PDB file of N, CA and C in Angstrom:
ATOM      1  N   MET A   1     172.469  96.328 109.036  1.00  0.00           N
ATOM      2  CA  MET A   1     172.230  95.660 107.771  1.00  0.00           C
ATOM      3  C   MET A   1     173.578  95.473 107.080  1.00  0.00           C
ATOM      4  N   THR A   2     173.720  94.366 106.386  1.00  0.00           N
ATOM      5  CA  THR A   2     174.946  94.058 105.671  1.00  0.00           C
ATOM      6  C   THR A   2     174.700  94.174 104.173  1.00  0.00           C
ATOM      7  N   LYS A   3     175.633  94.769 103.496  1.00  0.00           N
ATOM      8  CA  LYS A   3     175.536  94.933 102.049  1.00  0.00           C
ATOM      9  C   LYS A   3     176.432  93.891 101.381  1.00  0.00           C
ATOM     10  N   ILE A   4     175.902  93.225 100.348  1.00  0.00           N
ATOM     11  CA  ILE A   4     176.700  92.251  99.618  1.00  0.00           C
ATOM     12  C   ILE A   4     176.722  92.602  98.135  1.00  0.00           C
ATOM     13  N   THR A   5     177.756  92.151  97.472  1.00  0.00           N
ATOM     14  CA  THR A   5     177.866  92.304  96.029  1.00  0.00           C
ATOM     15  C   THR A   5     177.842  90.912  95.437  1.00  0.00           C
ATOM     16  N   LEU A   6     177.062  90.744  94.394  1.00  0.00           N
ATOM     17  CA  LEU A   6     176.885  89.432  93.793  1.00  0.00           C
ATOM     18  C   LEU A   6     177.156  89.516  92.307  1.00  0.00           C
ATOM     19  N   GLU A   7     177.986  88.618  91.806  1.00  0.00           N
ATOM     20  CA  GLU A   7     178.243  88.553  90.373  1.00  0.00           C
ATOM     21  C   GLU A   7     177.461  87.389  89.786  1.00  0.00           C
ATOM     22  N   LEU A   8     176.731  87.678  88.716  1.00  0.00           N
ATOM     23  CA  LEU A   8     175.938  86.656  88.036  1.00  0.00           C
ATOM     24  C   LEU A   8     176.285  86.648  86.555  1.00  0.00           C
ATOM     25  N   PRO A   9     176.188  85.497  85.923  1.00  0.00           N
ATOM     26  CA  PRO A   9     176.309  85.483  84.470  1.00  0.00           C
ATOM     27  C   PRO A   9     175.164  86.323  83.879  1.00  0.00           C
ATOM     28  N   ASP A  10     175.405  86.910  82.727  1.00  0.00           N
ATOM     29  CA  ASP A  10     174.402  87.790  82.114  1.00  0.00           C
ATOM     30  C   ASP A  10     173.048  87.104  81.954  1.00  0.00           C
ATOM     31  N   ALA A  11     173.067  85.847  81.536  1.00  0.00           N
ATOM     32  CA  ALA A  11     171.798  85.122  81.325  1.00  0.00           C
ATOM     33  C   ALA A  11     171.025  84.979  82.632  1.00  0.00           C
ATOM     34  N   GLU A  12     171.723  84.703  83.726  1.00  0.00           N
ATOM     35  CA  GLU A  12     171.059  84.564  85.018  1.00  0.00           C
ATOM     36  C   GLU A  12     170.512  85.906  85.499  1.00  0.00           C
ATOM     37  N   TYR A  13     171.269  86.970  85.273  1.00  0.00           N
ATOM     38  CA  TYR A  13     170.799  88.298  85.661  1.00  0.00           C
ATOM     39  C   TYR A  13     169.539  88.657  84.888  1.00  0.00           C
ATOM     40  N   LYS A  14     169.498  88.337  83.604  1.00  0.00           N
ATOM     41  CA  LYS A  14     168.298  88.641  82.800  1.00  0.00           C
ATOM     42  C   LYS A  14     167.100  87.854  83.299  1.00  0.00           C
ATOM     43  N   ARG A  15     167.326  86.599  83.696  1.00  0.00           N
ATOM     44  CA  ARG A  15     166.227  85.792  84.262  1.00  0.00           C
ATOM     45  C   ARG A  15     165.713  86.427  85.546  1.00  0.00           C
ATOM     46  N   LEU A  16     166.642  86.868  86.386  1.00  0.00           N
ATOM     47  CA  LEU A  16     166.274  87.503  87.642  1.00  0.00           C
ATOM     48  C   LEU A  16     165.533  88.812  87.393  1.00  0.00           C
ATOM     49  N   GLN A  17     166.020  89.580  86.434  1.00  0.00           N
ATOM     50  CA  GLN A  17     165.392  90.851  86.080  1.00  0.00           C
ATOM     51  C   GLN A  17     163.965  90.617  85.565  1.00  0.00           C
ATOM     52  N   LYS A  18     163.796  89.615  84.734  1.00  0.00           N
ATOM     53  CA  LYS A  18     162.471  89.297  84.188  1.00  0.00           C
ATOM     54  C   LYS A  18     161.519  88.854  85.310  1.00  0.00           C
ATOM     55  N   GLN A  19     162.032  88.039  86.238  1.00  0.00           N
ATOM     56  CA  GLN A  19     161.211  87.586  87.365  1.00  0.00           C
ATOM     57  C   GLN A  19     160.776  88.764  88.223  1.00  0.00           C
ATOM     58  N   ALA A  20     161.676  89.698  88.451  1.00  0.00           N
ATOM     59  CA  ALA A  20     161.350  90.890  89.248  1.00  0.00           C
ATOM     60  C   ALA A  20     160.314  91.747  88.538  1.00  0.00           C
ATOM     61  N   GLN A  21     160.453  91.895  87.237  1.00  0.00           N
ATOM     62  CA  GLN A  21     159.477  92.681  86.473  1.00  0.00           C
ATOM     63  C   GLN A  21     158.100  92.033  86.537  1.00  0.00           C
ATOM     64  N   CYS A  22     158.053  90.719  86.413  1.00  0.00           N
ATOM     65  CA  CYS A  22     156.758  90.014  86.484  1.00  0.00           C
ATOM     66  C   CYS A  22     156.105  90.180  87.854  1.00  0.00           C
ATOM     67  N   ALA A  23     156.932  90.240  88.884  1.00  0.00           N
ATOM     68  CA  ALA A  23     156.413  90.397  90.243  1.00  0.00           C
ATOM     69  C   ALA A  23     156.208  91.862  90.615  1.00  0.00           C
ATOM     70  N   VAL A  24     156.578  92.762  89.703  1.00  0.00           N
ATOM     71  CA  VAL A  24     156.514  94.204  89.922  1.00  0.00           C
ATOM     72  C   VAL A  24     157.251  94.568  91.221  1.00  0.00           C
ATOM     73  N   LYS A  25     158.487  94.096  91.298  1.00  0.00           N
ATOM     74  CA  LYS A  25     159.322  94.342  92.469  1.00  0.00           C
ATOM     75  C   LYS A  25     160.737  94.638  92.016  1.00  0.00           C
ATOM     76  N   GLN A  26     161.499  95.244  92.907  1.00  0.00           N
ATOM     77  CA  GLN A  26     162.909  95.435  92.640  1.00  0.00           C
ATOM     78  C   GLN A  26     163.622  94.097  92.857  1.00  0.00           C
ATOM     79  N   ILE A  27     164.742  93.934  92.179  1.00  0.00           N
ATOM     80  CA  ILE A  27     165.500  92.696  92.307  1.00  0.00           C
ATOM     81  C   ILE A  27     165.905  92.453  93.757  1.00  0.00           C
ATOM     82  N   THR A  28     166.352  93.484  94.443  1.00  0.00           N
ATOM     83  CA  THR A  28     166.774  93.304  95.839  1.00  0.00           C
ATOM     84  C   THR A  28     165.614  92.854  96.721  1.00  0.00           C
ATOM     85  N   THR A  29     164.436  93.387  96.481  1.00  0.00           N
ATOM     86  CA  THR A  29     163.254  92.982  97.245  1.00  0.00           C
ATOM     87  C   THR A  29     162.938  91.525  96.997  1.00  0.00           C
ATOM     88  N   LEU A  30     162.999  91.128  95.737  1.00  0.00           N
ATOM     89  CA  LEU A  30     162.720  89.746  95.368  1.00  0.00           C
ATOM     90  C   LEU A  30     163.707  88.794  96.039  1.00  0.00           C
ATOM     91  N   ILE A  31     164.980  89.126  96.003  1.00  0.00           N
ATOM     92  CA  ILE A  31     165.999  88.279  96.621  1.00  0.00           C
ATOM     93  C   ILE A  31     165.790  88.194  98.132  1.00  0.00           C
ATOM     94  N   CYS A  32     165.497  89.315  98.763  1.00  0.00           N
ATOM     95  CA  CYS A  32     165.247  89.312 100.209  1.00  0.00           C
ATOM     96  C   CYS A  32     164.044  88.449 100.571  1.00  0.00           C
ATOM     97  N   GLU A  33     163.011  88.488  99.756  1.00  0.00           N
ATOM     98  CA  GLU A  33     161.827  87.650 100.001  1.00  0.00           C
ATOM     99  C   GLU A  33     162.177  86.175  99.861  1.00  0.00           C
ATOM    100  N   TRP A  34     162.990  85.841  98.862  1.00  0.00           N
ATOM    101  CA  TRP A  34     163.409  84.442  98.680  1.00  0.00           C
ATOM    102  C   TRP A  34     164.233  83.964  99.867  1.00  0.00           C
ATOM    103  N   ILE A  35     165.139  84.803 100.325  1.00  0.00           N
ATOM    104  CA  ILE A  35     165.972  84.428 101.469  1.00  0.00           C
ATOM    105  C   ILE A  35     165.108  84.246 102.713  1.00  0.00           C
ATOM    106  N   ALA A  36     164.101  85.082 102.874  1.00  0.00           N
ATOM    107  CA  ALA A  36     163.209  84.980 104.034  1.00  0.00           C
ATOM    108  C   ALA A  36     162.445  83.661 104.045  1.00  0.00           C
ATOM    109  N   GLN A  37     162.282  83.027 102.880  1.00  0.00           N
ATOM    110  CA  GLN A  37     161.566  81.748 102.799  1.00  0.00           C
ATOM    111  C   GLN A  37     162.434  80.556 103.197  1.00  0.00           C
ATOM    112  N   VAL A  38     163.737  80.757 103.265  1.00  0.00           N
ATOM    113  CA  VAL A  38     164.636  79.669 103.653  1.00  0.00           C
ATOM    114  C   VAL A  38     164.401  79.361 105.125  1.00  0.00           C
ATOM    115  N   PRO A  39     164.136  78.090 105.442  1.00  0.00           N
ATOM    116  CA  PRO A  39     163.881  77.754 106.841  1.00  0.00           C
ATOM    117  C   PRO A  39     165.064  78.120 107.735  1.00  0.00           C
ATOM    118  N   LYS A  40     164.735  78.661 108.880  1.00  0.00           N
ATOM    119  CA  LYS A  40     165.776  79.002 109.846  1.00  0.00           C
ATOM    120  C   LYS A  40     166.204  77.727 110.557  1.00  0.00           C
ATOM    121  N   THR A  41     167.485  77.589 110.778  1.00  0.00           N
ATOM    122  CA  THR A  41     167.975  76.411 111.484  1.00  0.00           C
ATOM    123  C   THR A  41     167.817  76.621 112.973  1.00  0.00           C
ATOM    124  N   ASP A  42     167.531  75.550 113.659  1.00  0.00           N
ATOM    125  CA  ASP A  42     167.409  75.600 115.109  1.00  0.00           C
ATOM    126  C   ASP A  42     168.783  75.325 115.693  1.00  0.00           C
ATOM    127  N   GLU A  43     169.444  76.377 116.133  1.00  0.00           N
ATOM    128  CA  GLU A  43     170.802  76.241 116.639  1.00  0.00           C
ATOM    129  C   GLU A  43     170.851  75.485 117.959  1.00  0.00           C
ATOM    130  N   SER A  44     169.704  75.255 118.582  1.00  0.00           N
ATOM    131  CA  SER A  44     169.694  74.543 119.851  1.00  0.00           C
ATOM    132  C   SER A  44     169.738  73.030 119.654  1.00  0.00           C
ATOM    133  N   VAL A  45     169.648  72.559 118.426  1.00  0.00           N
ATOM    134  CA  VAL A  45     169.676  71.125 118.156  1.00  0.00           C
ATOM    135  C   VAL A  45     171.091  70.609 118.386  1.00  0.00           C
ATOM    136  N   ASN A  46     171.193  69.564 119.174  1.00  0.00           N
ATOM    137  CA  ASN A  46     172.479  68.935 119.445  1.00  0.00           C
ATOM    138  C   ASN A  46     172.548  67.649 118.626  1.00  0.00           C
ATOM    139  N   ILE A  47     173.331  67.675 117.561  1.00  0.00           N
ATOM    140  CA  ILE A  47     173.419  66.528 116.660  1.00  0.00           C
ATOM    141  C   ILE A  47     173.875  65.270 117.392  1.00  0.00           C
ATOM    142  N   LYS A  48     174.639  65.448 118.456  1.00  0.00           N
ATOM    143  CA  LYS A  48     175.143  64.279 119.187  1.00  0.00           C
ATOM    144  C   LYS A  48     174.045  63.556 119.958  1.00  0.00           C
ATOM    145  N   GLN A  49     172.848  64.140 120.017  1.00  0.00           N
ATOM    146  CA  GLN A  49     171.721  63.490 120.674  1.00  0.00           C
ATOM    147  C   GLN A  49     170.789  62.819 119.672  1.00  0.00           C
ATOM    148  N   ASP A  50     171.058  62.971 118.375  1.00  0.00           N
ATOM    149  CA  ASP A  50     170.221  62.373 117.347  1.00  0.00           C
ATOM    150  C   ASP A  50     170.451  60.862 117.321  1.00  0.00           C
ATOM    151  N   PRO A  51     169.386  60.065 117.276  1.00  0.00           N
ATOM    152  CA  PRO A  51     169.541  58.614 117.262  1.00  0.00           C
ATOM    153  C   PRO A  51     170.427  58.105 116.116  1.00  0.00           C
ATOM    154  N   LEU A  52     170.370  58.761 114.979  1.00  0.00           N
ATOM    155  CA  LEU A  52     171.207  58.326 113.868  1.00  0.00           C
ATOM    156  C   LEU A  52     172.684  58.548 114.182  1.00  0.00           C
ATOM    157  N   TYR A  53     173.009  59.639 114.852  1.00  0.00           N
ATOM    158  CA  TYR A  53     174.382  59.913 115.244  1.00  0.00           C
ATOM    159  C   TYR A  53     174.848  58.888 116.276  1.00  0.00           C
ATOM    160  N   LEU A  54     173.958  58.498 117.177  1.00  0.00           N
ATOM    161  CA  LEU A  54     174.296  57.561 118.245  1.00  0.00           C
ATOM    162  C   LEU A  54     174.271  56.110 117.793  1.00  0.00           C
ATOM    163  N   PHE A  55     173.739  55.865 116.623  1.00  0.00           N
ATOM    164  CA  PHE A  55     173.580  54.507 116.115  1.00  0.00           C
ATOM    165  C   PHE A  55     174.938  53.828 115.981  1.00  0.00           C
ATOM    166  N   GLU A  56     175.110  52.713 116.661  1.00  0.00           N
ATOM    167  CA  GLU A  56     176.388  52.018 116.642  1.00  0.00           C
ATOM    168  C   GLU A  56     176.502  51.039 115.481  1.00  0.00           C
ATOM    169  N   GLY A  57     175.397  50.661 114.916  1.00  0.00           N
ATOM    170  CA  GLY A  57     175.440  49.760 113.778  1.00  0.00           C
ATOM    171  C   GLY A  57     175.444  48.302 114.189  1.00  0.00           C
ATOM    172  N   PHE A  58     175.526  47.467 113.199  1.00  0.00           N
ATOM    173  CA  PHE A  58     175.534  46.029 113.400  1.00  0.00           C
ATOM    174  C   PHE A  58     176.785  45.467 112.746  1.00  0.00           C
ATOM    175  N   ASP A  59     177.364  44.456 113.353  1.00  0.00           N
ATOM    176  CA  ASP A  59     178.534  43.826 112.749  1.00  0.00           C
ATOM    177  C   ASP A  59     178.115  43.023 111.528  1.00  0.00           C
ATOM    178  N   SER A  60     177.667  41.818 111.746  1.00  0.00           N
ATOM    179  CA  SER A  60     177.257  41.002 110.599  1.00  0.00           C
ATOM    180  C   SER A  60     175.859  40.445 110.775  1.00  0.00           C
ATOM    181  N   ALA A  61     175.317  40.553 111.966  1.00  0.00           N
ATOM    182  CA  ALA A  61     174.003  39.981 112.232  1.00  0.00           C
ATOM    183  C   ALA A  61     172.919  41.058 112.202  1.00  0.00           C
ATOM    184  N   ALA A  62     172.947  41.884 111.207  1.00  0.00           N
ATOM    185  CA  ALA A  62     171.926  42.928 111.091  1.00  0.00           C
ATOM    186  C   ALA A  62     170.576  42.294 110.798  1.00  0.00           C
ATOM    187  N   PRO A  63     169.515  42.883 111.308  1.00  0.00           N
ATOM    188  CA  PRO A  63     168.177  42.361 110.999  1.00  0.00           C
ATOM    189  C   PRO A  63     167.945  42.376 109.486  1.00  0.00           C
ATOM    190  N   THR A  64     167.250  41.386 108.984  1.00  0.00           N
ATOM    191  CA  THR A  64     167.019  41.305 107.540  1.00  0.00           C
ATOM    192  C   THR A  64     166.090  42.396 107.038  1.00  0.00           C
ATOM    193  N   ASP A  65     165.314  43.010 107.939  1.00  0.00           N
ATOM    194  CA  ASP A  65     164.386  44.065 107.533  1.00  0.00           C
ATOM    195  C   ASP A  65     164.915  45.456 107.885  1.00  0.00           C
ATOM    196  N   LEU A  66     166.213  45.582 108.110  1.00  0.00           N
ATOM    197  CA  LEU A  66     166.788  46.857 108.537  1.00  0.00           C
ATOM    198  C   LEU A  66     166.488  47.982 107.558  1.00  0.00           C
ATOM    199  N   SER A  67     166.664  47.749 106.269  1.00  0.00           N
ATOM    200  CA  SER A  67     166.440  48.830 105.300  1.00  0.00           C
ATOM    201  C   SER A  67     164.973  49.224 105.217  1.00  0.00           C
ATOM    202  N   ILE A  68     164.083  48.308 105.480  1.00  0.00           N
ATOM    203  CA  ILE A  68     162.645  48.599 105.418  1.00  0.00           C
ATOM    204  C   ILE A  68     162.177  49.304 106.689  1.00  0.00           C
ATOM    205  N   ASN A  69     162.694  48.867 107.819  1.00  0.00           N
ATOM    206  CA  ASN A  69     162.236  49.378 109.114  1.00  0.00           C
ATOM    207  C   ASN A  69     163.302  50.207 109.826  1.00  0.00           C
ATOM    208  N   VAL A  70     164.065  50.979 109.074  1.00  0.00           N
ATOM    209  CA  VAL A  70     165.154  51.753 109.675  1.00  0.00           C
ATOM    210  C   VAL A  70     164.646  52.702 110.755  1.00  0.00           C
ATOM    211  N   ASP A  71     163.480  53.315 110.565  1.00  0.00           N
ATOM    212  CA  ASP A  71     162.939  54.222 111.579  1.00  0.00           C
ATOM    213  C   ASP A  71     162.646  53.484 112.878  1.00  0.00           C
ATOM    214  N   LYS A  72     162.145  52.255 112.769  1.00  0.00           N
ATOM    215  CA  LYS A  72     161.861  51.466 113.963  1.00  0.00           C
ATOM    216  C   LYS A  72     163.143  51.223 114.755  1.00  0.00           C
ATOM    217  N   TYR A  73     164.238  50.911 114.056  1.00  0.00           N
ATOM    218  CA  TYR A  73     165.497  50.627 114.736  1.00  0.00           C
ATOM    219  C   TYR A  73     166.169  51.895 115.266  1.00  0.00           C
ATOM    220  N   LEU A  74     165.962  53.006 114.599  1.00  0.00           N
ATOM    221  CA  LEU A  74     166.564  54.256 115.059  1.00  0.00           C
ATOM    222  C   LEU A  74     165.759  54.919 116.170  1.00  0.00           C
ATOM    223  N   TYR A  75     164.447  54.992 115.980  1.00  0.00           N
ATOM    224  CA  TYR A  75     163.613  55.794 116.877  1.00  0.00           C
ATOM    225  C   TYR A  75     162.682  54.972 117.762  1.00  0.00           C
ATOM    226  N   GLY A  76     162.657  53.668 117.565  1.00  0.00           N
ATOM    227  CA  GLY A  76     161.800  52.810 118.388  1.00  0.00           C
ATOM    228  C   GLY A  76     160.412  52.677 117.790  1.00  0.00           C
ATOM    229  N   GLU A  77     159.645  51.812 118.381  1.00  0.00           N
ATOM    230  CA  GLU A  77     158.273  51.585 117.928  1.00  0.00           C
ATOM    231  C   GLU A  77     157.427  52.819 118.178  1.00  0.00           C
ATOM    232  N   LYS A  78     156.499  53.091 117.270  1.00  0.00           N
ATOM    233  CA  LYS A  78     155.574  54.214 117.468  1.00  0.00           C
ATOM    234  C   LYS A  78     154.511  53.814 118.468  1.00  0.00           C
ATOM    235  N   ALA A  79     154.139  54.769 119.289  1.00  0.00           N
ATOM    236  CA  ALA A  79     153.128  54.499 120.324  1.00  0.00           C
ATOM    237  C   ALA A  79     151.743  54.465 119.748  1.00  0.00           C
TER     238      ALA A  79
END
């Protein structure tokens, strides 16, 4: 386990303290629960395989509906 020290403005600390009291929890417990709600990133995702990353763009002859149908141009027609 890693221990961290956090500095907060007094007003923010009081808000956090009040939230913990309302939840009948310790501040550290409350913070740990909030952190646990943050979605975990999938480290196996290769950004270089994302269609948006691979998108080469258009010079001047872009389709007139590009902004409306951007998903169609990036990901193809839906089946």
